Amino acid sequence: MDRIKQLLTLLFWRNDLNSSAKWFDRNQPAQDRFWELEDWNEELEERIIKLEDELNNINNKINSK
C-alpha cells in the first residue's frame, strides 16, 4: 500500500512540475527574469565563497600568532 501511495505522490509532483514548466514556456518574460535571478544568485554564491575564504585566511593569521 505504501508503494502505491509513493507512486501517486511522485506522479502528482511530476504533474505539478510539468505544469510549472509549461507556464514558464508560455511566459517568456517570466522565464527571462528567472534566468536573470538565477545568474545573480550564482554570482552572490561566488562572492560569499570568496568572502569566507578571505575571512578564514584572516582568522588563520590571527590564530597563528
N, C-alpha and C. Protein backbone atom coordinates (compact mmCIF):
# COMPACT_ATOMS: atom_id res chain seq x y z
N MET A 1 0.82 -1.20 0.00
CA MET A 1 0.00 0.00 0.00
C MET A 1 0.86 1.27 0.00
N ASP A 2 2.00 1.23 0.74
CA ASP A 2 2.89 2.38 0.79
C ASP A 2 3.50 2.68 -0.58
N ARG A 3 3.78 1.63 -1.34
CA ARG A 3 4.37 1.84 -2.66
C ARG A 3 3.39 2.55 -3.60
N ILE A 4 2.14 2.19 -3.50
CA ILE A 4 1.12 2.84 -4.33
C ILE A 4 1.01 4.31 -3.95
N LYS A 5 1.02 4.56 -2.64
CA LYS A 5 0.96 5.95 -2.16
C LYS A 5 2.17 6.75 -2.65
N GLN A 6 3.37 6.16 -2.58
CA GLN A 6 4.58 6.82 -3.06
C GLN A 6 4.51 7.10 -4.55
N LEU A 7 4.02 6.12 -5.30
CA LEU A 7 3.90 6.29 -6.74
C LEU A 7 2.94 7.42 -7.08
N LEU A 8 1.80 7.45 -6.40
CA LEU A 8 0.82 8.52 -6.65
C LEU A 8 1.40 9.88 -6.28
N THR A 9 2.12 9.94 -5.17
CA THR A 9 2.75 11.19 -4.75
C THR A 9 3.74 11.66 -5.81
N LEU A 10 4.56 10.77 -6.31
CA LEU A 10 5.53 11.13 -7.34
C LEU A 10 4.83 11.60 -8.62
N LEU A 11 3.75 10.95 -8.97
CA LEU A 11 3.01 11.36 -10.17
C LEU A 11 2.41 12.75 -10.00
N PHE A 12 1.89 13.03 -8.82
CA PHE A 12 1.35 14.38 -8.57
C PHE A 12 2.45 15.42 -8.62
N TRP A 13 3.62 15.12 -8.04
CA TRP A 13 4.76 16.05 -8.10
C TRP A 13 5.18 16.29 -9.54
N ARG A 14 5.23 15.21 -10.29
CA ARG A 14 5.63 15.33 -11.70
C ARG A 14 4.66 16.23 -12.46
N ASN A 15 3.37 16.04 -12.21
CA ASN A 15 2.34 16.84 -12.86
C ASN A 15 2.51 18.32 -12.49
N ASP A 16 2.75 18.59 -11.20
CA ASP A 16 2.96 19.98 -10.76
C ASP A 16 4.17 20.60 -11.45
N LEU A 17 5.27 19.85 -11.51
CA LEU A 17 6.48 20.37 -12.15
C LEU A 17 6.27 20.62 -13.63
N ASN A 18 5.57 19.71 -14.28
CA ASN A 18 5.30 19.89 -15.71
C ASN A 18 4.43 21.11 -15.97
N SER A 19 3.43 21.32 -15.11
CA SER A 19 2.56 22.48 -15.33
C SER A 19 3.32 23.77 -15.08
N SER A 20 4.24 23.77 -14.10
CA SER A 20 5.06 24.96 -13.87
C SER A 20 5.98 25.22 -15.06
N ALA A 21 6.57 24.17 -15.59
CA ALA A 21 7.47 24.32 -16.74
C ALA A 21 6.70 24.85 -17.95
N LYS A 22 5.50 24.36 -18.15
CA LYS A 22 4.68 24.84 -19.27
C LYS A 22 4.32 26.31 -19.10
N TRP A 23 4.05 26.72 -17.84
CA TRP A 23 3.73 28.12 -17.59
C TRP A 23 4.90 29.01 -17.96
N PHE A 24 6.11 28.61 -17.58
CA PHE A 24 7.30 29.40 -17.93
C PHE A 24 7.51 29.40 -19.45
N ASP A 25 7.22 28.29 -20.10
CA ASP A 25 7.36 28.24 -21.56
C ASP A 25 6.43 29.23 -22.25
N ARG A 26 5.25 29.41 -21.68
CA ARG A 26 4.28 30.33 -22.28
C ARG A 26 4.54 31.79 -21.88
N ASN A 27 5.30 32.02 -20.85
CA ASN A 27 5.55 33.36 -20.34
C ASN A 27 7.05 33.68 -20.39
N GLN A 28 7.51 34.02 -21.58
CA GLN A 28 8.93 34.24 -21.79
C GLN A 28 9.52 35.34 -20.90
N PRO A 29 8.83 36.46 -20.67
CA PRO A 29 9.41 37.46 -19.76
C PRO A 29 9.67 36.91 -18.36
N ALA A 30 8.77 36.08 -17.86
CA ALA A 30 8.97 35.47 -16.55
C ALA A 30 10.16 34.51 -16.59
N GLN A 31 10.28 33.76 -17.67
CA GLN A 31 11.41 32.84 -17.82
C GLN A 31 12.72 33.62 -17.87
N ASP A 32 12.74 34.73 -18.61
CA ASP A 32 13.95 35.55 -18.70
C ASP A 32 14.33 36.10 -17.33
N ARG A 33 13.34 36.55 -16.58
CA ARG A 33 13.60 37.08 -15.24
C ARG A 33 14.12 35.98 -14.32
N PHE A 34 13.56 34.79 -14.43
CA PHE A 34 14.02 33.65 -13.64
C PHE A 34 15.48 33.38 -13.92
N TRP A 35 15.87 33.35 -15.21
CA TRP A 35 17.26 33.11 -15.57
C TRP A 35 18.17 34.22 -15.04
N GLU A 36 17.68 35.45 -15.13
CA GLU A 36 18.46 36.58 -14.63
C GLU A 36 18.71 36.44 -13.12
N LEU A 37 17.67 36.08 -12.38
CA LEU A 37 17.81 35.90 -10.94
C LEU A 37 18.70 34.70 -10.60
N GLU A 38 18.62 33.68 -11.41
CA GLU A 38 19.47 32.51 -11.20
C GLU A 38 20.94 32.88 -11.39
N ASP A 39 21.24 33.66 -12.44
CA ASP A 39 22.61 34.12 -12.67
C ASP A 39 23.09 35.00 -11.52
N TRP A 40 22.23 35.89 -11.06
CA TRP A 40 22.58 36.78 -9.96
C TRP A 40 22.87 35.97 -8.69
N ASN A 41 22.05 34.95 -8.44
CA ASN A 41 22.26 34.09 -7.29
C ASN A 41 23.61 33.38 -7.36
N GLU A 42 23.98 32.91 -8.54
CA GLU A 42 25.27 32.25 -8.71
C GLU A 42 26.42 33.22 -8.44
N GLU A 43 26.28 34.47 -8.90
CA GLU A 43 27.30 35.48 -8.63
C GLU A 43 27.43 35.73 -7.13
N LEU A 44 26.29 35.82 -6.44
CA LEU A 44 26.32 36.03 -4.99
C LEU A 44 26.97 34.86 -4.28
N GLU A 45 26.69 33.66 -4.72
CA GLU A 45 27.30 32.48 -4.11
C GLU A 45 28.82 32.52 -4.26
N GLU A 46 29.30 32.91 -5.44
CA GLU A 46 30.74 33.01 -5.66
C GLU A 46 31.37 34.08 -4.77
N ARG A 47 30.68 35.20 -4.61
CA ARG A 47 31.19 36.27 -3.75
C ARG A 47 31.24 35.83 -2.29
N ILE A 48 30.23 35.09 -1.86
CA ILE A 48 30.20 34.59 -0.49
C ILE A 48 31.35 33.63 -0.25
N ILE A 49 31.61 32.76 -1.21
CA ILE A 49 32.72 31.82 -1.08
C ILE A 49 34.04 32.57 -0.95
N LYS A 50 34.24 33.62 -1.77
CA LYS A 50 35.45 34.43 -1.69
C LYS A 50 35.58 35.09 -0.31
N LEU A 51 34.48 35.66 0.17
CA LEU A 51 34.50 36.31 1.48
C LEU A 51 34.81 35.31 2.60
N GLU A 52 34.23 34.13 2.52
CA GLU A 52 34.52 33.11 3.52
C GLU A 52 35.98 32.71 3.49
N ASP A 53 36.54 32.56 2.30
CA ASP A 53 37.96 32.22 2.17
C ASP A 53 38.85 33.31 2.75
N GLU A 54 38.53 34.56 2.45
CA GLU A 54 39.31 35.67 2.99
C GLU A 54 39.21 35.71 4.51
N LEU A 55 38.02 35.51 5.04
CA LEU A 55 37.83 35.51 6.48
C LEU A 55 38.61 34.37 7.13
N ASN A 56 38.60 33.21 6.52
CA ASN A 56 39.36 32.08 7.05
C ASN A 56 40.86 32.39 7.04
N ASN A 57 41.34 33.03 5.99
CA ASN A 57 42.76 33.40 5.92
C ASN A 57 43.11 34.37 7.04
N ILE A 58 42.25 35.35 7.26
CA ILE A 58 42.49 36.32 8.32
C ILE A 58 42.49 35.62 9.68
N ASN A 59 41.51 34.76 9.90
CA ASN A 59 41.44 34.02 11.17
C ASN A 59 42.66 33.14 11.37
N ASN A 60 43.12 32.52 10.32
CA ASN A 60 44.32 31.67 10.42
C ASN A 60 45.55 32.50 10.79
N LYS A 61 45.66 33.69 10.20
CA LYS A 61 46.80 34.56 10.51
C LYS A 61 46.73 35.01 11.97
N ILE A 62 45.54 35.35 12.44
CA ILE A 62 45.37 35.78 13.83
C ILE A 62 45.68 34.65 14.80
N ASN A 63 45.20 33.47 14.49
CA ASN A 63 45.39 32.32 15.38
C ASN A 63 46.80 31.80 15.37
N SER A 64 47.55 32.04 14.32
CA SER A 64 48.91 31.53 14.24
C SER A 64 49.91 32.40 15.02
N LYS A 65 49.49 33.57 15.44
CA LYS A 65 50.39 34.47 16.17
C LYS A 65 50.54 34.07 17.60
